[in-house]
C-alpha cells in the first residue's frame, strides 16, 4: 500500500511539474549546490529575479537546489551542462536562475529565483 501511495504522490508531483514548467523543462531538473555564501549567511530564494523581490526561503552553503534550468539572459542550464564546471559558473555568475522548492516544507512546491554567484553544479 505504501508503494502505491508513493507512486501516486510522485505522479502528482510530476504532473504538476509538467503543467507548470512547460515542455522545455518537463523531464529534467538540474541539481546545483549553494556555495560561496559568506559565513553565517544563507542564499535567499526570491519570488522574482531581483534582490528587492519577496524572500521565499534561505538555504545554507551545501544545500542542493533543484533548478528548472531557466536563467535570466536566455541561459538554460540544461544547454550548458556538458561544459566544464568553471564555464557553467561563469555563464550564470551575474544571472538569476529559477529553482523548484518547497519553502514551507509542506509539500507545496513553487518556483523562486537565486543569484547565480552563489550556486555551482552538483
PDB file of N, CA and C in Angstrom:
ATOM      1  N   UNK A   1       0.822  -1.185   0.000  1.00  0.00           N
ATOM      2  CA  UNK A   1       0.000   0.000   0.000  1.00  0.00           C
ATOM      3  C   UNK A   1       0.871   1.256   0.000  1.00  0.00           C
ATOM      4  N   UNK A   2       2.001   1.242   0.749  1.00  0.00           N
ATOM      5  CA  UNK A   2       2.875   2.400   0.788  1.00  0.00           C
ATOM      6  C   UNK A   2       3.419   2.699  -0.600  1.00  0.00           C
ATOM      7  N   UNK A   3       3.815   1.666  -1.351  1.00  0.00           N
ATOM      8  CA  UNK A   3       4.352   1.869  -2.695  1.00  0.00           C
ATOM      9  C   UNK A   3       3.327   2.557  -3.581  1.00  0.00           C
ATOM     10  N   UNK A   4       2.099   2.106  -3.512  1.00  0.00           N
ATOM     11  CA  UNK A   4       1.036   2.683  -4.338  1.00  0.00           C
ATOM     12  C   UNK A   4       0.830   4.158  -3.977  1.00  0.00           C
ATOM     13  N   UNK A   5       0.863   4.482  -2.675  1.00  0.00           N
ATOM     14  CA  UNK A   5       0.714   5.866  -2.240  1.00  0.00           C
ATOM     15  C   UNK A   5       1.871   6.715  -2.742  1.00  0.00           C
ATOM     16  N   UNK A   6       3.116   6.205  -2.575  1.00  0.00           N
ATOM     17  CA  UNK A   6       4.290   6.962  -3.015  1.00  0.00           C
ATOM     18  C   UNK A   6       4.295   7.133  -4.529  1.00  0.00           C
ATOM     19  N   UNK A   7       3.887   6.103  -5.247  1.00  0.00           N
ATOM     20  CA  UNK A   7       3.823   6.200  -6.708  1.00  0.00           C
ATOM     21  C   UNK A   7       2.792   7.234  -7.119  1.00  0.00           C
ATOM     22  N   UNK A   8       1.655   7.247  -6.442  1.00  0.00           N
ATOM     23  CA  UNK A   8       0.616   8.233  -6.757  1.00  0.00           C
ATOM     24  C   UNK A   8       1.097   9.645  -6.430  1.00  0.00           C
ATOM     25  N   UNK A   9       1.773   9.795  -5.305  1.00  0.00           N
ATOM     26  CA  UNK A   9       2.299  11.109  -4.930  1.00  0.00           C
ATOM     27  C   UNK A   9       3.353  11.572  -5.927  1.00  0.00           C
ATOM     28  N   UNK A  10       4.231  10.670  -6.336  1.00  0.00           N
ATOM     29  CA  UNK A  10       5.265  11.017  -7.324  1.00  0.00           C
ATOM     30  C   UNK A  10       4.624  11.418  -8.643  1.00  0.00           C
ATOM     31  N   UNK A  11       3.578  10.699  -9.053  1.00  0.00           N
ATOM     32  CA  UNK A  11       2.884  11.037 -10.287  1.00  0.00           C
ATOM     33  C   UNK A  11       2.235  12.416 -10.180  1.00  0.00           C
ATOM     34  N   UNK A  12       1.651  12.703  -9.027  1.00  0.00           N
ATOM     35  CA  UNK A  12       1.004  14.009  -8.835  1.00  0.00           C
ATOM     36  C   UNK A  12       2.030  15.131  -8.923  1.00  0.00           C
ATOM     37  N   UNK A  13       3.181  14.951  -8.288  1.00  0.00           N
ATOM     38  CA  UNK A  13       4.236  15.969  -8.355  1.00  0.00           C
ATOM     39  C   UNK A  13       4.731  16.114  -9.782  1.00  0.00           C
ATOM     40  N   UNK A  14       4.978  15.002 -10.458  1.00  0.00           N
ATOM     41  CA  UNK A  14       5.454  15.051 -11.845  1.00  0.00           C
ATOM     42  C   UNK A  14       4.439  15.737 -12.747  1.00  0.00           C
ATOM     43  N   UNK A  15       3.178  15.462 -12.549  1.00  0.00           N
ATOM     44  CA  UNK A  15       2.137  16.101 -13.360  1.00  0.00           C
ATOM     45  C   UNK A  15       2.120  17.600 -13.130  1.00  0.00           C
ATOM     46  N   UNK A  16       2.282  17.998 -11.878  1.00  0.00           N
ATOM     47  CA  UNK A  16       2.318  19.417 -11.556  1.00  0.00           C
ATOM     48  C   UNK A  16       3.525  20.077 -12.201  1.00  0.00           C
ATOM     49  N   UNK A  17       4.666  19.411 -12.126  1.00  0.00           N
ATOM     50  CA  UNK A  17       5.882  19.938 -12.738  1.00  0.00           C
ATOM     51  C   UNK A  17       5.688  20.093 -14.232  1.00  0.00           C
ATOM     52  N   UNK A  18       5.135  19.089 -14.876  1.00  0.00           N
ATOM     53  CA  UNK A  18       4.915  19.145 -16.317  1.00  0.00           C
ATOM     54  C   UNK A  18       3.991  20.292 -16.686  1.00  0.00           C
ATOM     55  N   UNK A  19       2.945  20.469 -15.925  1.00  0.00           N
ATOM     56  CA  UNK A  19       1.987  21.528 -16.224  1.00  0.00           C
ATOM     57  C   UNK A  19       2.581  22.901 -15.962  1.00  0.00           C
ATOM     58  N   UNK A  20       3.391  23.021 -14.936  1.00  0.00           N
ATOM     59  CA  UNK A  20       3.908  24.314 -14.526  1.00  0.00           C
ATOM     60  C   UNK A  20       5.104  24.758 -15.345  1.00  0.00           C
ATOM     61  N   UNK A  21       6.004  23.853 -15.647  1.00  0.00           N
ATOM     62  CA  UNK A  21       7.249  24.261 -16.280  1.00  0.00           C
ATOM     63  C   UNK A  21       7.204  24.210 -17.787  1.00  0.00           C
ATOM     64  N   UNK A  22       6.234  23.545 -18.370  1.00  0.00           N
ATOM     65  CA  UNK A  22       6.144  23.511 -19.821  1.00  0.00           C
ATOM     66  C   UNK A  22       7.066  22.457 -20.407  1.00  0.00           C
ATOM     67  N   UNK A  23       6.992  22.260 -21.705  1.00  0.00           N
ATOM     68  CA  UNK A  23       7.705  21.170 -22.333  1.00  0.00           C
ATOM     69  C   UNK A  23       9.220  21.287 -22.323  1.00  0.00           C
ATOM     70  N   UNK A  24       9.781  22.479 -22.302  1.00  0.00           N
ATOM     71  CA  UNK A  24      11.233  22.586 -22.393  1.00  0.00           C
ATOM     72  C   UNK A  24      11.950  22.103 -21.146  1.00  0.00           C
ATOM     73  N   UNK A  25      11.282  22.104 -20.001  1.00  0.00           N
ATOM     74  CA  UNK A  25      11.923  21.695 -18.757  1.00  0.00           C
ATOM     75  C   UNK A  25      11.147  20.587 -18.056  1.00  0.00           C
ATOM     76  N   UNK A  26      10.299  19.907 -18.781  1.00  0.00           N
ATOM     77  CA  UNK A  26       9.361  18.985 -18.162  1.00  0.00           C
ATOM     78  C   UNK A  26       9.998  17.726 -17.604  1.00  0.00           C
ATOM     79  N   UNK A  27      11.074  17.250 -18.168  1.00  0.00           N
ATOM     80  CA  UNK A  27      11.551  15.943 -17.766  1.00  0.00           C
ATOM     81  C   UNK A  27      12.809  15.966 -16.907  1.00  0.00           C
ATOM     82  N   UNK A  28      13.520  17.069 -16.839  1.00  0.00           N
ATOM     83  CA  UNK A  28      14.801  17.068 -16.145  1.00  0.00           C
ATOM     84  C   UNK A  28      14.945  18.313 -15.278  1.00  0.00           C
ATOM     85  N   UNK A  29      15.434  18.108 -14.078  1.00  0.00           N
ATOM     86  CA  UNK A  29      15.851  19.215 -13.241  1.00  0.00           C
ATOM     87  C   UNK A  29      17.361  19.140 -13.124  1.00  0.00           C
ATOM     88  N   UNK A  30      18.003  20.268 -13.050  1.00  0.00           N
ATOM     89  CA  UNK A  30      19.445  20.307 -12.843  1.00  0.00           C
ATOM     90  C   UNK A  30      19.687  20.554 -11.358  1.00  0.00           C
ATOM     91  N   UNK A  31      20.510  19.735 -10.734  1.00  0.00           N
ATOM     92  CA  UNK A  31      20.834  19.914  -9.319  1.00  0.00           C
ATOM     93  C   UNK A  31      22.068  20.802  -9.194  1.00  0.00           C
ATOM     94  N   UNK A  32      21.925  21.890  -8.499  1.00  0.00           N
ATOM     95  CA  UNK A  32      23.034  22.798  -8.222  1.00  0.00           C
ATOM     96  C   UNK A  32      23.114  22.978  -6.719  1.00  0.00           C
ATOM     97  N   UNK A  33      24.311  23.283  -6.233  1.00  0.00           N
ATOM     98  CA  UNK A  33      24.552  23.378  -4.802  1.00  0.00           C
ATOM     99  C   UNK A  33      24.861  24.818  -4.413  1.00  0.00           C
ATOM    100  N   UNK A  34      24.375  25.218  -3.241  1.00  0.00           N
ATOM    101  CA  UNK A  34      24.668  26.544  -2.702  1.00  0.00           C
ATOM    102  C   UNK A  34      26.137  26.575  -2.282  1.00  0.00           C
ATOM    103  N   UNK A  35      26.831  27.625  -2.695  1.00  0.00           N
ATOM    104  CA  UNK A  35      28.248  27.765  -2.387  1.00  0.00           C
ATOM    105  C   UNK A  35      28.631  29.243  -2.310  1.00  0.00           C
ATOM    106  N   UNK A  36      29.755  29.522  -1.677  1.00  0.00           N
ATOM    107  CA  UNK A  36      30.323  30.879  -1.603  1.00  0.00           C
ATOM    108  C   UNK A  36      29.471  31.896  -0.855  1.00  0.00           C
ATOM    109  N   UNK A  37      28.502  31.438  -0.081  1.00  0.00           N
ATOM    110  CA  UNK A  37      27.727  32.358   0.749  1.00  0.00           C
ATOM    111  C   UNK A  37      28.593  32.689   1.964  1.00  0.00           C
ATOM    112  N   UNK A  38      28.714  33.965   2.315  1.00  0.00           N
ATOM    113  CA  UNK A  38      29.546  34.329   3.467  1.00  0.00           C
ATOM    114  C   UNK A  38      29.148  33.578   4.742  1.00  0.00           C
ATOM    115  N   UNK A  39      30.134  33.309   5.580  1.00  0.00           N
ATOM    116  CA  UNK A  39      29.922  32.601   6.844  1.00  0.00           C
ATOM    117  C   UNK A  39      28.797  33.258   7.639  1.00  0.00           C
ATOM    118  N   UNK A  40      27.886  32.441   8.141  1.00  0.00           N
ATOM    119  CA  UNK A  40      26.784  32.919   8.960  1.00  0.00           C
ATOM    120  C   UNK A  40      25.607  33.455   8.156  1.00  0.00           C
ATOM    121  N   UNK A  41      25.692  33.378   6.843  1.00  0.00           N
ATOM    122  CA  UNK A  41      24.618  33.882   5.992  1.00  0.00           C
ATOM    123  C   UNK A  41      24.006  32.716   5.222  1.00  0.00           C
ATOM    124  N   UNK A  42      23.000  32.983   4.415  1.00  0.00           N
ATOM    125  CA  UNK A  42      22.341  31.954   3.609  1.00  0.00           C
ATOM    126  C   UNK A  42      21.919  32.582   2.283  1.00  0.00           C
ATOM    127  N   UNK A  43      21.716  31.745   1.289  1.00  0.00           N
ATOM    128  CA  UNK A  43      21.271  32.188  -0.027  1.00  0.00           C
ATOM    129  C   UNK A  43      19.760  32.374  -0.011  1.00  0.00           C
ATOM    130  N   UNK A  44      19.321  33.580  -0.300  1.00  0.00           N
ATOM    131  CA  UNK A  44      17.892  33.867  -0.349  1.00  0.00           C
ATOM    132  C   UNK A  44      17.299  33.419  -1.678  1.00  0.00           C
ATOM    133  N   UNK A  45      16.140  32.799  -1.606  1.00  0.00           N
ATOM    134  CA  UNK A  45      15.359  32.490  -2.804  1.00  0.00           C
ATOM    135  C   UNK A  45      14.278  33.562  -2.862  1.00  0.00           C
ATOM    136  N   UNK A  46      14.195  34.225  -4.014  1.00  0.00           N
ATOM    137  CA  UNK A  46      13.263  35.336  -4.200  1.00  0.00           C
ATOM    138  C   UNK A  46      12.105  34.925  -5.108  1.00  0.00           C
ATOM    139  N   UNK A  47      10.988  35.580  -4.955  1.00  0.00           N
ATOM    140  CA  UNK A  47       9.813  35.283  -5.767  1.00  0.00           C
ATOM    141  C   UNK A  47      10.057  35.635  -7.241  1.00  0.00           C
ATOM    142  N   UNK A  48      10.762  36.729  -7.474  1.00  0.00           N
ATOM    143  CA  UNK A  48      11.098  37.180  -8.826  1.00  0.00           C
ATOM    144  C   UNK A  48      12.604  37.395  -8.913  1.00  0.00           C
ATOM    145  N   UNK A  49      13.171  37.473 -10.108  1.00  0.00           N
ATOM    146  CA  UNK A  49      14.624  37.619 -10.249  1.00  0.00           C
ATOM    147  C   UNK A  49      15.121  39.045  -9.970  1.00  0.00           C
ATOM    148  N   UNK A  50      15.053  39.436  -8.709  1.00  0.00           N
ATOM    149  CA  UNK A  50      15.518  40.757  -8.278  1.00  0.00           C
ATOM    150  C   UNK A  50      15.795  40.722  -6.780  1.00  0.00           C
ATOM    151  N   UNK A  51      16.864  41.377  -6.365  1.00  0.00           N
ATOM    152  CA  UNK A  51      17.220  41.418  -4.950  1.00  0.00           C
ATOM    153  C   UNK A  51      16.186  42.082  -4.080  1.00  0.00           C
ATOM    154  N   UNK A  52      15.328  42.905  -4.665  1.00  0.00           N
ATOM    155  CA  UNK A  52      14.289  43.597  -3.900  1.00  0.00           C
ATOM    156  C   UNK A  52      12.989  42.797  -3.824  1.00  0.00           C
ATOM    157  N   UNK A  53      12.938  41.658  -4.509  1.00  0.00           N
ATOM    158  CA  UNK A  53      11.735  40.828  -4.536  1.00  0.00           C
ATOM    159  C   UNK A  53      11.530  40.107  -3.200  1.00  0.00           C
ATOM    160  N   UNK A  54      10.297  39.687  -2.962  1.00  0.00           N
ATOM    161  CA  UNK A  54       9.925  38.978  -1.732  1.00  0.00           C
ATOM    162  C   UNK A  54      10.784  37.730  -1.531  1.00  0.00           C
ATOM    163  N   UNK A  55      11.294  37.565  -0.325  1.00  0.00           N
ATOM    164  CA  UNK A  55      12.089  36.390   0.034  1.00  0.00           C
ATOM    165  C   UNK A  55      11.153  35.221   0.331  1.00  0.00           C
ATOM    166  N   UNK A  56      11.424  34.067  -0.301  1.00  0.00           N
ATOM    167  CA  UNK A  56      10.611  32.868  -0.066  1.00  0.00           C
ATOM    168  C   UNK A  56      11.248  31.930   0.949  1.00  0.00           C
ATOM    169  N   UNK A  57      12.571  31.827   0.903  1.00  0.00           N
ATOM    170  CA  UNK A  57      13.298  30.902   1.775  1.00  0.00           C
ATOM    171  C   UNK A  57      14.775  31.267   1.720  1.00  0.00           C
ATOM    172  N   UNK A  58      15.568  30.621   2.552  1.00  0.00           N
ATOM    173  CA  UNK A  58      17.014  30.818   2.537  1.00  0.00           C
ATOM    174  C   UNK A  58      17.673  29.460   2.750  1.00  0.00           C
ATOM    175  N   UNK A  59      18.777  29.218   2.025  1.00  0.00           N
ATOM    176  CA  UNK A  59      19.470  27.933   2.091  1.00  0.00           C
ATOM    177  C   UNK A  59      20.948  28.159   2.378  1.00  0.00           C
ATOM    178  N   UNK A  60      21.543  27.342   3.263  1.00  0.00           N
ATOM    179  CA  UNK A  60      22.959  27.499   3.622  1.00  0.00           C
ATOM    180  C   UNK A  60      23.878  26.876   2.569  1.00  0.00           C
ATOM    181  N   UNK A  61      25.161  27.193   2.667  1.00  0.00           N
ATOM    182  CA  UNK A  61      26.166  26.534   1.830  1.00  0.00           C
ATOM    183  C   UNK A  61      25.997  25.025   1.945  1.00  0.00           C
ATOM    184  N   UNK A  62      26.104  24.342   0.833  1.00  0.00           N
ATOM    185  CA  UNK A  62      25.986  22.884   0.816  1.00  0.00           C
ATOM    186  C   UNK A  62      24.597  22.377   0.469  1.00  0.00           C
ATOM    187  N   UNK A  63      23.581  23.214   0.601  1.00  0.00           N
ATOM    188  CA  UNK A  63      22.215  22.790   0.256  1.00  0.00           C
ATOM    189  C   UNK A  63      22.142  22.539  -1.248  1.00  0.00           C
ATOM    190  N   UNK A  64      21.452  21.483  -1.625  1.00  0.00           N
ATOM    191  CA  UNK A  64      21.281  21.154  -3.045  1.00  0.00           C
ATOM    192  C   UNK A  64      19.920  21.670  -3.493  1.00  0.00           C
ATOM    193  N   UNK A  65      19.936  22.451  -4.551  1.00  0.00           N
ATOM    194  CA  UNK A  65      18.722  23.044  -5.087  1.00  0.00           C
ATOM    195  C   UNK A  65      18.344  22.374  -6.397  1.00  0.00           C
ATOM    196  N   UNK A  66      17.069  22.235  -6.631  1.00  0.00           N
ATOM    197  CA  UNK A  66      16.572  21.695  -7.896  1.00  0.00           C
ATOM    198  C   UNK A  66      16.264  22.876  -8.809  1.00  0.00           C
ATOM    199  N   UNK A  67      17.053  23.010  -9.853  1.00  0.00           N
ATOM    200  CA  UNK A  67      16.916  24.124 -10.783  1.00  0.00           C
ATOM    201  C   UNK A  67      15.985  23.721 -11.922  1.00  0.00           C
ATOM    202  N   UNK A  68      15.162  24.654 -12.376  1.00  0.00           N
ATOM    203  CA  UNK A  68      14.299  24.368 -13.526  1.00  0.00           C
ATOM    204  C   UNK A  68      15.097  24.393 -14.814  1.00  0.00           C
ATOM    205  N   UNK A  69      16.246  25.038 -14.782  1.00  0.00           N
ATOM    206  CA  UNK A  69      17.089  25.166 -15.971  1.00  0.00           C
ATOM    207  C   UNK A  69      17.076  26.572 -16.513  1.00  0.00           C
ATOM    208  N   UNK A  70      16.082  27.340 -16.175  1.00  0.00           N
ATOM    209  CA  UNK A  70      15.908  28.679 -16.731  1.00  0.00           C
ATOM    210  C   UNK A  70      16.668  29.734 -15.928  1.00  0.00           C
ATOM    211  N   UNK A  71      17.436  30.560 -16.632  1.00  0.00           N
ATOM    212  CA  UNK A  71      18.131  31.689 -16.017  1.00  0.00           C
ATOM    213  C   UNK A  71      17.851  32.940 -16.842  1.00  0.00           C
ATOM    214  N   UNK A  72      17.998  34.092 -16.210  1.00  0.00           N
ATOM    215  CA  UNK A  72      17.814  35.340 -16.936  1.00  0.00           C
ATOM    216  C   UNK A  72      18.868  35.435 -18.037  1.00  0.00           C
ATOM    217  N   UNK A  73      18.597  36.257 -19.018  1.00  0.00           N
ATOM    218  CA  UNK A  73      19.528  36.400 -20.140  1.00  0.00           C
ATOM    219  C   UNK A  73      19.393  35.300 -21.160  1.00  0.00           C
ATOM    220  N   UNK A  74      18.339  34.479 -21.036  1.00  0.00           N
ATOM    221  CA  UNK A  74      18.102  33.414 -22.007  1.00  0.00           C
ATOM    222  C   UNK A  74      18.985  32.192 -21.833  1.00  0.00           C
ATOM    223  N   UNK A  75      19.646  32.066 -20.695  1.00  0.00           N
ATOM    224  CA  UNK A  75      20.521  30.911 -20.453  1.00  0.00           C
ATOM    225  C   UNK A  75      19.695  29.762 -19.897  1.00  0.00           C
ATOM    226  N   UNK A  76      19.931  28.579 -20.445  1.00  0.00           N
ATOM    227  CA  UNK A  76      19.283  27.359 -19.980  1.00  0.00           C
ATOM    228  C   UNK A  76      20.374  26.447 -19.424  1.00  0.00           C
ATOM    229  N   UNK A  77      20.292  26.113 -18.145  1.00  0.00           N
ATOM    230  CA  UNK A  77      21.309  25.265 -17.512  1.00  0.00           C
ATOM    231  C   UNK A  77      21.452  23.917 -18.215  1.00  0.00           C
ATOM    232  N   UNK A  78      20.363  23.430 -18.770  1.00  0.00           N
ATOM    233  CA  UNK A  78      20.413  22.134 -19.433  1.00  0.00           C
ATOM    234  C   UNK A  78      21.222  22.196 -20.733  1.00  0.00           C
ATOM    235  N   UNK A  79      21.358  23.393 -21.310  1.00  0.00           N
ATOM    236  CA  UNK A  79      22.152  23.565 -22.525  1.00  0.00           C
ATOM    237  C   UNK A  79      23.645  23.646 -22.237  1.00  0.00           C
ATOM    238  N   UNK A  80      24.024  24.004 -21.014  1.00  0.00           N
ATOM    239  CA  UNK A  80      25.446  24.173 -20.688  1.00  0.00           C
ATOM    240  C   UNK A  80      25.992  23.065 -19.790  1.00  0.00           C
ATOM    241  N   UNK A  81      25.186  22.062 -19.514  1.00  0.00           N
ATOM    242  CA  UNK A  81      25.532  21.020 -18.539  1.00  0.00           C
ATOM    243  C   UNK A  81      26.808  20.249 -18.894  1.00  0.00           C
ATOM    244  N   UNK A  82      27.150  20.121 -20.163  1.00  0.00           N
ATOM    245  CA  UNK A  82      28.333  19.348 -20.546  1.00  0.00           C
ATOM    246  C   UNK A  82      29.609  20.190 -20.591  1.00  0.00           C
ATOM    247  N   UNK A  83      29.491  21.464 -20.319  1.00  0.00           N
ATOM    248  CA  UNK A  83      30.661  22.334 -20.289  1.00  0.00           C
ATOM    249  C   UNK A  83      31.370  22.181 -18.949  1.00  0.00           C
ATOM    250  N   UNK A  84      32.656  22.553 -18.880  1.00  0.00           N
ATOM    251  CA  UNK A  84      33.355  22.473 -17.592  1.00  0.00           C
ATOM    252  C   UNK A  84      32.633  23.291 -16.519  1.00  0.00           C
ATOM    253  N   UNK A  85      32.753  22.851 -15.280  1.00  0.00           N
ATOM    254  CA  UNK A  85      32.065  23.499 -14.161  1.00  0.00           C
ATOM    255  C   UNK A  85      32.381  24.990 -14.124  1.00  0.00           C
ATOM    256  N   UNK A  86      33.650  25.370 -14.262  1.00  0.00           N
ATOM    257  CA  UNK A  86      34.009  26.778 -14.169  1.00  0.00           C
ATOM    258  C   UNK A  86      33.336  27.592 -15.277  1.00  0.00           C
ATOM    259  N   UNK A  87      33.133  27.000 -16.448  1.00  0.00           N
ATOM    260  CA  UNK A  87      32.456  27.688 -17.543  1.00  0.00           C
ATOM    261  C   UNK A  87      30.983  27.880 -17.207  1.00  0.00           C
ATOM    262  N   UNK A  88      30.362  26.842 -16.657  1.00  0.00           N
ATOM    263  CA  UNK A  88      28.961  26.951 -16.258  1.00  0.00           C
ATOM    264  C   UNK A  88      28.795  28.052 -15.217  1.00  0.00           C
ATOM    265  N   UNK A  89      29.692  28.066 -14.219  1.00  0.00           N
ATOM    266  CA  UNK A  89      29.614  29.078 -13.164  1.00  0.00           C
ATOM    267  C   UNK A  89      29.753  30.487 -13.732  1.00  0.00           C
ATOM    268  N   UNK A  90      30.677  30.669 -14.672  1.00  0.00           N
ATOM    269  CA  UNK A  90      30.887  31.994 -15.261  1.00  0.00           C
ATOM    270  C   UNK A  90      29.680  32.454 -16.080  1.00  0.00           C
ATOM    271  N   UNK A  91      29.026  31.521 -16.756  1.00  0.00           N
ATOM    272  CA  UNK A  91      27.878  31.882 -17.601  1.00  0.00           C
ATOM    273  C   UNK A  91      26.690  32.384 -16.782  1.00  0.00           C
ATOM    274  N   UNK A  92      26.565  31.910 -15.552  1.00  0.00           N
ATOM    275  CA  UNK A  92      25.403  32.310 -14.744  1.00  0.00           C
ATOM    276  C   UNK A  92      25.779  33.213 -13.569  1.00  0.00           C
ATOM    277  N   UNK A  93      27.040  33.556 -13.452  1.00  0.00           N
ATOM    278  CA  UNK A  93      27.541  34.322 -12.298  1.00  0.00           C
ATOM    279  C   UNK A  93      26.719  35.576 -11.999  1.00  0.00           C
ATOM    280  N   UNK A  94      26.337  36.308 -13.006  1.00  0.00           N
ATOM    281  CA  UNK A  94      25.590  37.549 -12.795  1.00  0.00           C
ATOM    282  C   UNK A  94      24.156  37.440 -13.308  1.00  0.00           C
ATOM    283  N   UNK A  95      23.606  36.243 -13.249  1.00  0.00           N
ATOM    284  CA  UNK A  95      22.235  35.970 -13.694  1.00  0.00           C
ATOM    285  C   UNK A  95      21.428  35.457 -12.511  1.00  0.00           C
ATOM    286  N   UNK A  96      20.125  35.526 -12.655  1.00  0.00           N
ATOM    287  CA  UNK A  96      19.215  34.898 -11.705  1.00  0.00           C
ATOM    288  C   UNK A  96      18.754  33.587 -12.332  1.00  0.00           C
ATOM    289  N   UNK A  97      18.701  32.531 -11.523  1.00  0.00           N
ATOM    290  CA  UNK A  97      18.274  31.225 -12.020  1.00  0.00           C
ATOM    291  C   UNK A  97      17.086  30.729 -11.196  1.00  0.00           C
ATOM    292  N   UNK A  98      16.187  30.051 -11.884  1.00  0.00           N
ATOM    293  CA  UNK A  98      14.936  29.611 -11.272  1.00  0.00           C
ATOM    294  C   UNK A  98      15.093  28.266 -10.574  1.00  0.00           C
ATOM    295  N   UNK A  99      14.552  28.175  -9.371  1.00  0.00           N
ATOM    296  CA  UNK A  99      14.568  26.933  -8.591  1.00  0.00           C
ATOM    297  C   UNK A  99      13.143  26.443  -8.389  1.00  0.00           C
ATOM    298  N   UNK A 100      13.032  25.144  -8.102  1.00  0.00           N
ATOM    299  CA  UNK A 100      11.767  24.489  -7.769  1.00  0.00           C
ATOM    300  C   UNK A 100      11.953  23.996  -6.353  1.00  0.00           C
ATOM    301  N   UNK A 101      11.231  24.591  -5.394  1.00  0.00           N
ATOM    302  CA  UNK A 101      11.483  24.252  -3.994  1.00  0.00           C
ATOM    303  C   UNK A 101      10.197  24.296  -3.173  1.00  0.00           C
ATOM    304  N   UNK A 102      10.328  23.838  -1.938  1.00  0.00           N
ATOM    305  CA  UNK A 102       9.213  23.756  -1.000  1.00  0.00           C
ATOM    306  C   UNK A 102       9.562  24.614   0.218  1.00  0.00           C
ATOM    307  N   UNK A 103       9.390  25.943   0.110  1.00  0.00           N
ATOM    308  CA  UNK A 103       9.860  26.826   1.183  1.00  0.00           C
ATOM    309  C   UNK A 103       9.222  26.570   2.539  1.00  0.00           C
ATOM    310  N   UNK A 104       7.972  26.166   2.578  1.00  0.00           N
ATOM    311  CA  UNK A 104       7.301  25.910   3.854  1.00  0.00           C
ATOM    312  C   UNK A 104       7.463  24.464   4.306  1.00  0.00           C
ATOM    313  N   UNK A 105       8.103  23.642   3.487  1.00  0.00           N
ATOM    314  CA  UNK A 105       8.290  22.211   3.767  1.00  0.00           C
ATOM    315  C   UNK A 105       6.961  21.538   4.092  1.00  0.00           C
ATOM    316  N   UNK A 106       5.961  21.846   3.248  1.00  0.00           N
ATOM    317  CA  UNK A 106       4.628  21.272   3.448  1.00  0.00           C
ATOM    318  C   UNK A 106       4.119  20.546   2.202  1.00  0.00           C
ATOM    319  N   UNK A 107       5.022  20.285   1.255  1.00  0.00           N
ATOM    320  CA  UNK A 107       4.638  19.586   0.040  1.00  0.00           C
ATOM    321  C   UNK A 107       4.106  20.490  -1.055  1.00  0.00           C
ATOM    322  N   UNK A 108       4.109  21.793  -0.817  1.00  0.00           N
ATOM    323  CA  UNK A 108       3.634  22.748  -1.822  1.00  0.00           C
ATOM    324  C   UNK A 108       4.838  23.406  -2.497  1.00  0.00           C
ATOM    325  N   UNK A 109       5.252  22.825  -3.610  1.00  0.00           N
ATOM    326  CA  UNK A 109       6.417  23.321  -4.329  1.00  0.00           C
ATOM    327  C   UNK A 109       6.059  24.533  -5.170  1.00  0.00           C
ATOM    328  N   UNK A 110       6.979  25.475  -5.227  1.00  0.00           N
ATOM    329  CA  UNK A 110       6.827  26.692  -6.012  1.00  0.00           C
ATOM    330  C   UNK A 110       8.152  26.992  -6.698  1.00  0.00           C
ATOM    331  N   UNK A 111       8.106  27.904  -7.639  1.00  0.00           N
ATOM    332  CA  UNK A 111       9.355  28.360  -8.232  1.00  0.00           C
ATOM    333  C   UNK A 111       9.804  29.621  -7.525  1.00  0.00           C
ATOM    334  N   UNK A 112      11.091  29.843  -7.553  1.00  0.00           N
ATOM    335  CA  UNK A 112      11.702  31.038  -6.993  1.00  0.00           C
ATOM    336  C   UNK A 112      12.993  31.287  -7.753  1.00  0.00           C
ATOM    337  N   UNK A 113      13.735  32.311  -7.363  1.00  0.00           N
ATOM    338  CA  UNK A 113      14.942  32.707  -8.089  1.00  0.00           C
ATOM    339  C   UNK A 113      16.109  32.897  -7.130  1.00  0.00           C
ATOM    340  N   UNK A 114      17.285  32.418  -7.534  1.00  0.00           N
ATOM    341  CA  UNK A 114      18.513  32.603  -6.761  1.00  0.00           C
ATOM    342  C   UNK A 114      19.550  33.290  -7.643  1.00  0.00           C
ATOM    343  N   UNK A 115      20.477  33.992  -7.006  1.00  0.00           N
ATOM    344  CA  UNK A 115      21.524  34.676  -7.749  1.00  0.00           C
ATOM    345  C   UNK A 115      22.635  33.688  -8.067  1.00  0.00           C
ATOM    346  N   UNK A 116      23.032  33.639  -9.326  1.00  0.00           N
ATOM    347  CA  UNK A 116      23.976  32.643  -9.822  1.00  0.00           C
ATOM    348  C   UNK A 116      25.348  32.656  -9.181  1.00  0.00           C
ATOM    349  N   UNK A 117      25.747  33.754  -8.627  1.00  0.00           N
ATOM    350  CA  UNK A 117      27.068  33.859  -7.979  1.00  0.00           C
ATOM    351  C   UNK A 117      27.222  32.859  -6.832  1.00  0.00           C
ATOM    352  N   UNK A 118      26.093  32.416  -6.289  1.00  0.00           N
ATOM    353  CA  UNK A 118      26.119  31.575  -5.100  1.00  0.00           C
ATOM    354  C   UNK A 118      25.692  30.127  -5.323  1.00  0.00           C
ATOM    355  N   UNK A 119      25.761  29.666  -6.575  1.00  0.00           N
ATOM    356  CA  UNK A 119      25.439  28.261  -6.852  1.00  0.00           C
ATOM    357  C   UNK A 119      26.494  27.669  -7.785  1.00  0.00           C
ATOM    358  N   UNK A 120      26.633  26.352  -7.690  1.00  0.00           N
ATOM    359  CA  UNK A 120      27.578  25.614  -8.539  1.00  0.00           C
ATOM    360  C   UNK A 120      26.954  24.272  -8.891  1.00  0.00           C
ATOM    361  N   UNK A 121      27.297  23.706 -10.057  1.00  0.00           N
ATOM    362  CA  UNK A 121      26.734  22.395 -10.419  1.00  0.00           C
ATOM    363  C   UNK A 121      27.036  21.354  -9.347  1.00  0.00           C
ATOM    364  N   UNK A 122      26.084  20.498  -9.091  1.00  0.00           N
ATOM    365  CA  UNK A 122      26.243  19.447  -8.070  1.00  0.00           C
ATOM    366  C   UNK A 122      26.597  18.138  -8.723  1.00  0.00           C
TER     367      UNK A 122
END
